[in-house]
Protein backbone atom coordinates (compact mmCIF):
# COMPACT_ATOMS: atom_id res chain seq x y z
CA MET A 1 3.26 3.46 -11.70
CA SER A 2 3.24 4.85 -8.53
CA HIS A 3 6.37 6.52 -6.80
CA VAL A 4 6.95 3.64 -4.63
CA ASP A 5 6.42 1.03 -7.52
CA GLU A 6 9.31 2.98 -9.37
CA ILE A 7 11.53 2.75 -5.90
CA ILE A 8 10.67 -0.59 -5.70
CA ASN A 9 11.50 -1.04 -9.14
CA GLN A 10 14.89 0.83 -8.83
CA LEU A 11 16.41 -1.60 -5.87
CA THR A 12 19.04 -3.58 -7.17
CA THR A 13 20.99 -6.30 -5.67
CA THR A 14 24.02 -4.63 -4.90
CA HIS A 15 22.10 -1.16 -3.13
CA ILE A 16 19.83 -3.92 -0.99
CA THR A 17 23.31 -6.04 -0.14
CA GLN A 18 24.73 -2.43 0.55
CA ILE A 19 21.48 -1.68 2.74
CA GLN A 20 21.87 -4.85 4.57
CA THR A 21 25.58 -5.31 5.63
CA HIS A 22 26.18 -1.98 6.71
CA LEU A 23 23.14 -1.22 8.75
CA LEU A 24 23.56 -4.73 10.45
CA GLU A 25 27.29 -4.44 11.03
CA TRP A 26 26.05 -0.77 12.39
CA TYR A 27 23.51 -2.09 14.98
CA ARG A 28 25.29 -5.02 15.86
CA GLN A 29 28.12 -2.85 17.25
CA ASN A 30 26.00 0.35 18.33
CA ARG A 31 22.68 -0.71 20.11
CA ARG A 32 21.15 0.19 22.79
CA ASP A 33 21.13 -2.08 25.85
CA LEU A 34 17.69 -2.68 26.24
CA PRO A 35 15.67 -4.56 28.61
CA TRP A 36 13.41 -6.42 26.04
CA ARG A 37 16.23 -7.19 23.85
CA ARG A 38 17.92 -9.28 26.24
CA GLU A 39 15.91 -12.54 25.09
CA LYS A 40 13.52 -13.51 22.42
CA ASP A 41 10.50 -13.79 24.75
CA PRO A 42 7.46 -12.97 22.64
CA TYR A 43 5.66 -11.69 25.11
CA LYS A 44 7.97 -9.08 26.34
CA ILE A 45 8.82 -7.99 23.00
CA TRP A 46 5.32 -7.60 22.51
CA VAL A 47 4.65 -5.39 26.17
CA SER A 48 7.60 -3.62 24.98
CA GLU A 49 6.47 -2.25 21.79
CA VAL A 50 2.94 -1.28 22.88
CA MET A 51 4.99 0.94 25.84
CA LEU A 52 6.81 2.27 22.97
CA GLN A 53 4.28 3.63 21.01
CA GLN A 54 4.14 7.66 21.50
CA THR A 55 6.49 7.27 24.51
CA ARG A 56 10.61 7.37 24.43
CA VAL A 57 12.42 4.83 25.32
CA GLU A 58 14.30 6.34 28.25
CA THR A 59 10.60 6.93 29.52
CA VAL A 60 9.36 3.15 29.37
CA ILE A 61 13.00 1.16 30.77
CA PRO A 62 11.54 1.77 34.36
CA TYR A 63 8.15 0.95 33.25
CA PHE A 64 8.71 -2.18 31.50
CA GLN A 65 11.11 -3.36 34.65
CA ARG A 66 8.47 -2.55 37.14
CA PHE A 67 5.77 -4.27 35.16
CA MET A 68 7.90 -7.12 33.91
CA LYS A 69 8.36 -7.48 37.79
CA HIS A 70 4.57 -7.69 38.63
CA PHE A 71 3.64 -9.70 35.63
CA PRO A 72 6.83 -11.98 34.40
CA THR A 73 4.59 -14.03 32.27
CA LEU A 74 1.67 -13.62 30.17
CA SER A 75 -0.10 -15.86 32.67
CA ASP A 76 0.04 -13.09 34.86
CA LEU A 77 -0.79 -10.09 33.43
CA ALA A 78 -4.07 -12.25 32.18
CA ALA A 79 -4.68 -13.30 35.51
CA ALA A 80 -4.50 -9.69 37.02
CA SER A 81 -6.86 -7.81 37.08
CA GLU A 82 -7.61 -4.50 35.32
CA GLU A 83 -7.35 -2.04 38.29
CA GLU A 84 -3.97 -4.14 39.05
CA VAL A 85 -2.66 -3.66 35.25
CA LEU A 86 -4.20 0.25 35.25
CA LYS A 87 -1.87 0.53 38.67
CA GLU A 88 0.93 -0.25 36.75
CA TRP A 89 0.48 1.47 33.86
CA GLU A 90 0.03 4.70 35.55
CA GLY A 91 1.84 7.57 33.75
CA LEU A 92 2.32 6.49 30.65
CA GLY A 93 -0.93 7.51 29.27
CA TYR A 94 -2.82 6.51 26.07
CA TYR A 95 -4.56 3.83 28.79
CA SER A 96 -6.95 2.66 25.32
CA ARG A 97 -2.99 0.65 24.65
CA ILE A 98 -3.27 -1.14 28.05
CA ARG A 99 -6.51 -1.83 27.91
CA ASN A 100 -6.06 -3.63 24.43
CA LEU A 101 -3.12 -5.34 25.41
CA HIS A 102 -4.88 -6.84 28.37
CA ALA A 103 -7.87 -7.90 26.51
CA ALA A 104 -5.65 -9.28 23.87
CA VAL A 105 -3.64 -11.08 26.55
CA LYS A 106 -6.76 -12.78 27.72
CA GLU A 107 -7.35 -14.44 24.58
CA VAL A 108 -3.99 -15.30 23.89
CA GLN A 109 -4.28 -17.46 27.42
CA ALA A 110 -7.99 -18.68 26.73
CA LYS A 111 -7.25 -19.65 22.57
CA TYR A 112 -3.55 -20.26 22.91
CA ASP A 113 -2.77 -21.40 25.94
CA GLY A 114 -0.63 -18.72 26.44
CA HIS A 115 1.92 -18.56 23.71
CA VAL A 116 1.66 -15.76 21.51
CA PRO A 117 0.76 -16.63 18.14
CA ALA A 118 3.33 -17.16 15.35
CA GLN A 119 1.04 -16.87 12.58
CA LYS A 120 0.76 -12.97 11.17
CA GLU A 121 -3.40 -13.89 10.44
CA ASP A 122 -3.63 -15.33 13.81
CA ILE A 123 -1.55 -12.70 15.62
CA SER A 124 -3.18 -9.70 13.77
CA GLN A 125 -6.80 -10.26 14.80
CA LEU A 126 -5.97 -10.00 18.78
CA LYS A 127 -7.37 -6.59 20.24
CA GLY A 128 -5.07 -3.59 19.58
CA VAL A 129 -2.58 -5.26 17.43
CA GLY A 130 -1.56 -3.27 14.55
CA PRO A 131 1.07 -4.05 11.16
CA TYR A 132 3.99 -2.65 13.42
CA THR A 133 3.05 -4.78 16.58
CA ALA A 134 2.64 -7.57 15.02
CA GLY A 135 5.68 -7.41 12.30
CA ALA A 136 7.73 -6.63 14.97
CA VAL A 137 7.25 -9.22 17.21
CA LEU A 138 6.95 -11.88 14.10
CA SER A 139 10.30 -10.58 13.09
CA ILE A 140 12.14 -10.04 16.78
CA ALA A 141 10.92 -13.20 18.33
CA TYR A 142 10.23 -15.44 15.36
CA GLY A 143 12.88 -15.02 12.80
CA GLN A 144 9.83 -14.43 10.17
CA PRO A 145 10.69 -11.91 7.34
CA GLU A 146 7.59 -9.34 8.31
CA PRO A 147 8.48 -5.48 8.52
CA ALA A 148 7.65 -3.46 11.29
CA VAL A 149 7.19 0.14 9.58
CA ASP A 150 7.32 3.26 12.65
CA GLY A 151 7.70 6.86 12.57
CA ASN A 152 11.53 6.44 12.72
CA VAL A 153 11.24 4.00 9.73
CA MET A 154 9.46 5.79 7.90
CA ARG A 155 11.62 8.99 8.34
CA VAL A 156 14.88 6.84 6.97
CA PHE A 157 12.67 5.62 4.07
CA SER A 158 11.55 9.11 3.37
CA ARG A 159 15.30 10.03 3.11
CA TRP A 160 16.67 7.43 2.33
CA TYR A 161 14.19 7.65 -1.36
CA MET A 162 12.77 11.20 -1.20
CA ILE A 163 9.39 10.43 -0.47
CA GLU A 164 7.37 13.12 -0.80
CA ASP A 165 3.73 11.56 0.23
CA ASP A 166 2.35 12.37 3.64
CA ILE A 167 3.84 9.97 6.27
CA ALA A 168 0.54 10.53 8.24
CA GLN A 169 -1.34 8.87 5.60
CA MET A 170 -1.86 4.89 6.22
CA LYS A 171 -1.45 4.61 2.24
CA THR A 172 1.94 6.01 2.85
CA ARG A 173 2.74 3.67 5.86
CA LYS A 174 1.74 0.77 3.67
CA ALA A 175 4.06 1.67 0.43
CA MET A 176 6.81 1.66 3.00
CA GLU A 177 5.99 -1.53 4.55
CA ARG A 178 5.86 -3.18 0.71
CA ILE A 179 9.76 -0.99 0.68
CA ALA A 180 10.82 -2.89 3.70
CA SER A 181 9.42 -6.61 2.36
CA ARG A 182 12.36 -5.87 -0.04
CA LEU A 183 15.26 -5.00 2.23
CA ILE A 184 14.42 -7.59 4.69
CA PRO A 185 17.11 -10.07 4.76
CA PRO A 186 15.77 -13.92 5.38
CA GLU A 187 18.19 -14.87 7.58
CA ALA A 188 18.26 -11.43 9.95
CA PRO A 189 14.33 -10.29 9.98
CA GLY A 190 14.58 -9.00 13.61
CA ASP A 191 17.79 -7.68 13.92
CA PHE A 192 17.20 -5.61 10.77
CA ASN A 193 14.08 -4.07 11.38
CA GLN A 194 15.32 -3.09 15.14
CA ALA A 195 18.86 -1.48 13.23
CA LEU A 196 16.22 0.57 11.10
CA MET A 197 14.36 1.75 13.98
CA GLU A 198 17.29 2.46 16.17
CA LEU A 199 19.02 4.36 13.27
CA GLY A 200 15.91 6.47 13.31
CA ALA A 201 15.94 6.99 16.90
CA THR A 202 19.98 7.42 17.34
CA VAL A 203 21.13 8.90 14.19
CA CYS A 204 18.29 10.00 11.31
CA LEU A 205 17.05 12.26 13.71
CA PRO A 206 13.63 14.50 12.92
CA THR A 207 15.19 17.79 13.05
CA SER A 208 19.16 17.33 13.07
CA PRO A 209 19.54 13.95 11.67
CA CYS A 210 23.25 13.09 12.31
CA CYS A 211 24.40 12.23 8.98
CA LEU A 212 27.92 12.54 9.10
CA LEU A 213 27.22 9.13 11.21
CA CYS A 214 25.17 7.47 9.30
CA PRO A 215 26.59 3.66 8.01
CA VAL A 216 24.01 4.24 4.89
CA GLN A 217 24.62 7.71 3.91
CA GLU A 218 26.09 6.88 0.60
CA GLU A 219 22.52 5.27 -0.14
CA CYS A 220 20.62 8.58 0.74
CA ARG A 221 19.24 10.09 -2.03
CA ALA A 222 18.65 13.23 -0.16
CA LEU A 223 21.52 13.92 1.95
CA ALA A 224 23.06 13.47 -1.42
CA THR A 225 21.29 16.26 -3.09
CA GLY A 226 21.76 18.58 0.16
CA LYS A 227 17.15 17.96 1.34
CA GLN A 228 17.52 15.69 4.14
CA THR A 229 16.10 18.33 6.64
CA GLU A 230 13.07 18.70 4.36
CA PHE A 231 12.20 14.70 4.65
CA PRO A 232 9.78 13.56 5.77
CA ARG A 233 6.67 15.04 4.62
CA LYS A 234 4.01 15.47 7.25
CA LYS A 235 0.67 17.71 7.16
CA LYS A 236 0.63 19.51 10.39
CA LYS A 237 -1.84 18.49 12.66
CA LYS A 238 -4.51 21.07 13.90
CA PRO A 239 -3.52 22.26 17.45
CA PRO A 240 -5.27 21.06 20.67
CA ARG A 241 -8.79 22.12 21.35
CA LYS A 242 -8.35 24.34 24.14
CA GLN A 243 -10.81 23.67 27.24
CA GLN A 244 -11.50 25.40 30.77
CA VAL A 245 -11.98 22.82 32.69
CA VAL A 246 -12.54 22.56 37.09
CA PHE A 247 -11.40 19.84 39.15
CA PHE A 248 -13.42 19.47 42.90
CA MET A 249 -11.55 18.18 45.75
CA LEU A 250 -14.74 17.41 47.90
CA LEU A 251 -14.12 15.92 51.28
CA HIS A 252 -15.88 14.78 54.00
CA GLU A 253 -13.45 14.67 57.30
CA LYS A 254 -11.12 12.13 56.01
CA SER A 255 -12.97 11.34 52.62
CA ILE A 256 -12.73 12.78 49.13
CA LEU A 257 -15.64 12.48 46.55
CA VAL A 258 -14.14 10.06 43.23
CA GLU A 259 -15.65 10.10 40.13
CA ARG A 260 -15.65 7.38 37.49
CA ARG A 261 -15.21 8.85 33.77
CA PRO A 262 -17.27 7.53 31.04
CA LYS A 263 -16.86 4.44 29.76
CA LYS A 264 -15.97 5.99 25.92
CA GLY A 265 -13.89 8.98 25.19
CA LEU A 266 -11.00 10.87 27.22
CA LEU A 267 -9.48 8.93 29.93
CA SER A 268 -12.18 6.69 29.61
CA ASN A 269 -13.30 4.67 32.63
CA MET A 270 -11.12 5.56 34.85
CA TRP A 271 -11.24 7.02 38.71
CA ALA A 272 -10.64 10.52 38.50
CA LEU A 273 -11.96 13.90 40.82
CA PRO A 274 -14.91 15.28 39.42
CA THR A 275 -14.22 17.29 36.76
CA ILE A 276 -16.48 20.10 34.96
CA GLU A 277 -15.58 21.44 31.54
CA ILE A 278 -16.79 24.85 31.10
CA VAL A 279 -18.51 25.23 27.60
CA GLU A 280 -17.14 28.18 25.62
CA GLY A 281 -19.24 31.43 26.54
CA SER A 282 -20.63 30.10 29.91
CA LYS A 283 -19.71 31.52 33.12
CA SER A 284 -18.51 28.96 35.41
CA GLU A 285 -19.32 30.13 38.78
CA VAL A 286 -23.27 29.23 37.54
CA VAL A 287 -21.65 25.52 35.69
CA MET A 288 -20.34 24.68 38.94
CA LYS A 289 -23.14 25.97 41.31
CA ASP A 290 -25.73 23.94 39.06
CA TRP A 291 -23.32 20.81 39.59
CA LEU A 292 -23.44 21.00 42.87
CA GLN A 293 -27.40 21.45 42.97
CA LYS A 294 -27.82 18.52 40.64
CA GLN A 295 -25.51 16.26 43.01
CA GLY A 296 -27.66 17.54 45.58
CA LEU A 297 -23.82 18.24 47.63
CA VAL A 298 -23.39 21.17 50.36
CA ILE A 299 -20.72 22.82 50.77
CA LYS A 300 -18.69 25.23 53.12
CA GLU A 301 -16.51 27.65 51.33
CA ARG A 302 -15.02 26.72 48.43
CA GLN A 303 -11.32 27.97 47.05
CA GLU A 304 -9.27 27.87 44.43
CA ILE A 305 -5.73 26.38 45.57
CA ALA A 306 -4.25 25.72 42.05
CA LYS A 307 -4.45 26.79 38.26
CA PHE A 308 -2.43 24.25 35.73
CA GLU A 309 -2.44 23.24 32.13
CA HIS A 310 -2.53 19.72 30.74
CA ILE A 311 -2.02 19.18 27.02
CA PHE A 312 -3.51 15.18 25.48
CA SER A 313 -3.10 14.87 22.05
CA HIS A 314 -6.70 16.63 20.64
CA ARG A 315 -7.25 19.10 24.05
CA HIS A 316 -5.32 21.44 25.67
CA TRP A 317 -6.70 21.58 29.26
CA TYR A 318 -6.83 24.74 31.57
CA ILE A 319 -7.10 23.61 34.70
CA SER A 320 -8.46 25.66 37.90
CA LEU A 321 -8.12 23.06 41.48
CA GLN A 322 -11.01 23.76 43.63
CA VAL A 323 -11.22 22.32 47.36
CA ALA A 324 -14.28 22.39 49.45
CA ASP A 325 -15.36 20.62 52.55
CA CYS A 326 -19.15 18.75 51.70
CA SER A 327 -21.20 19.26 54.98
CA THR A 328 -22.55 15.78 54.71
CA MET A 329 -21.58 12.42 53.13
CA ASP A 330 -25.33 10.81 52.99
CA THR A 331 -26.14 12.76 49.94
CA PRO A 332 -27.48 9.77 47.57
CA LEU A 333 -25.25 9.71 44.65
CA ASN A 334 -25.27 8.51 41.17
CA GLU A 335 -23.68 5.44 39.80
CA GLN A 336 -20.59 7.61 38.69
CA LEU A 337 -20.02 9.36 42.31
CA HIS A 338 -18.33 7.98 45.13
CA TRP A 339 -17.05 8.76 48.44
CA TRP A 340 -13.93 7.02 49.27
CA PRO A 341 -11.20 7.00 52.02
CA ILE A 342 -7.85 9.38 50.91
CA GLU A 343 -5.86 6.95 50.91
CA LYS A 344 -7.56 4.14 48.49
CA PHE A 345 -7.89 7.24 45.87
CA SER A 346 -4.38 8.02 46.79
CA GLN A 347 -3.57 4.45 46.20
CA VAL A 348 -5.91 3.38 42.82
CA ALA A 349 -4.66 4.06 39.32
CA LYS A 350 -5.09 7.81 38.28
CA ALA A 351 -4.28 9.47 34.66
CA SER A 352 -1.24 11.86 35.20
CA VAL A 353 -3.57 15.06 35.29
CA TYR A 354 -5.61 13.86 38.23
CA ARG A 355 -1.96 12.67 40.05
CA LYS A 356 -0.52 16.01 39.45
CA ALA A 357 -3.59 17.79 40.91
CA PHE A 358 -3.89 15.55 43.94
């Protein structure tokens, strides 16, 4: 029998009732007033959950409000162009999230007449919708007793039950979903799931848990043994790979050379400044000269105007921003490179690293 099976078998009716009663009472008195909580619109809940993945609540609020102003209904988002959608997402990062959401919304518009599916098997088949997002929408919007286990919930469970399994592993998440399924009250699944998330976000914090403020402290095994800071257990991630990069800001009168990023990989398919990664052992001057010759670009004096860093989840860019005037715009370019009026590039959706450079 696994550790989780043992935990589930030990969940007494008294324990479950204590958790439900105290946690729900605390949540209803202390929950934050967040814009997506003011109604149970499944579309708005869905958008908020996608935005909240890997992003802090405080950061998401203004983005959510602006996004809803532009796309107040699912049909509005489905009808929008990718450029429009990316522009409203600009700055939130992890752009695959919004591309998946946009594709899924279009499918809902076409297949379900604009109504977010209320069946688990249907919503789970939409692009980018994993178990957590499906559980959040189904429980909060539709009142279904489905678990919604995110990082906050896993941290809470790890401490309540002293679970030593690595929370970065999928099998650990699935195990905790089984625990959540036992704890969810059928009459208030949405509030209960949000209460768990809220507890992890505001009380059961990663490094300095506020145990004295916890409404269910008496049910926490880690607190009872003084080991709350030892949980959750998580294997350390590898540090982001370091990479020397050159950004070219190539100008001709009031135009700027822009590049469409590759369709796959980092910042895929987004507009950017021409970006050259310098392979370790290569001389940057030689690489840049070769790149310019390959494109058939003739430039006047080139100048490095800034150095800065940008950290992605798996890469750490050390960036040299270089500016030069091109002697002509007549050079034939490939399908990735285009001359644009500078104002157009300032208005188009760009990843934050290029906004910083621009």
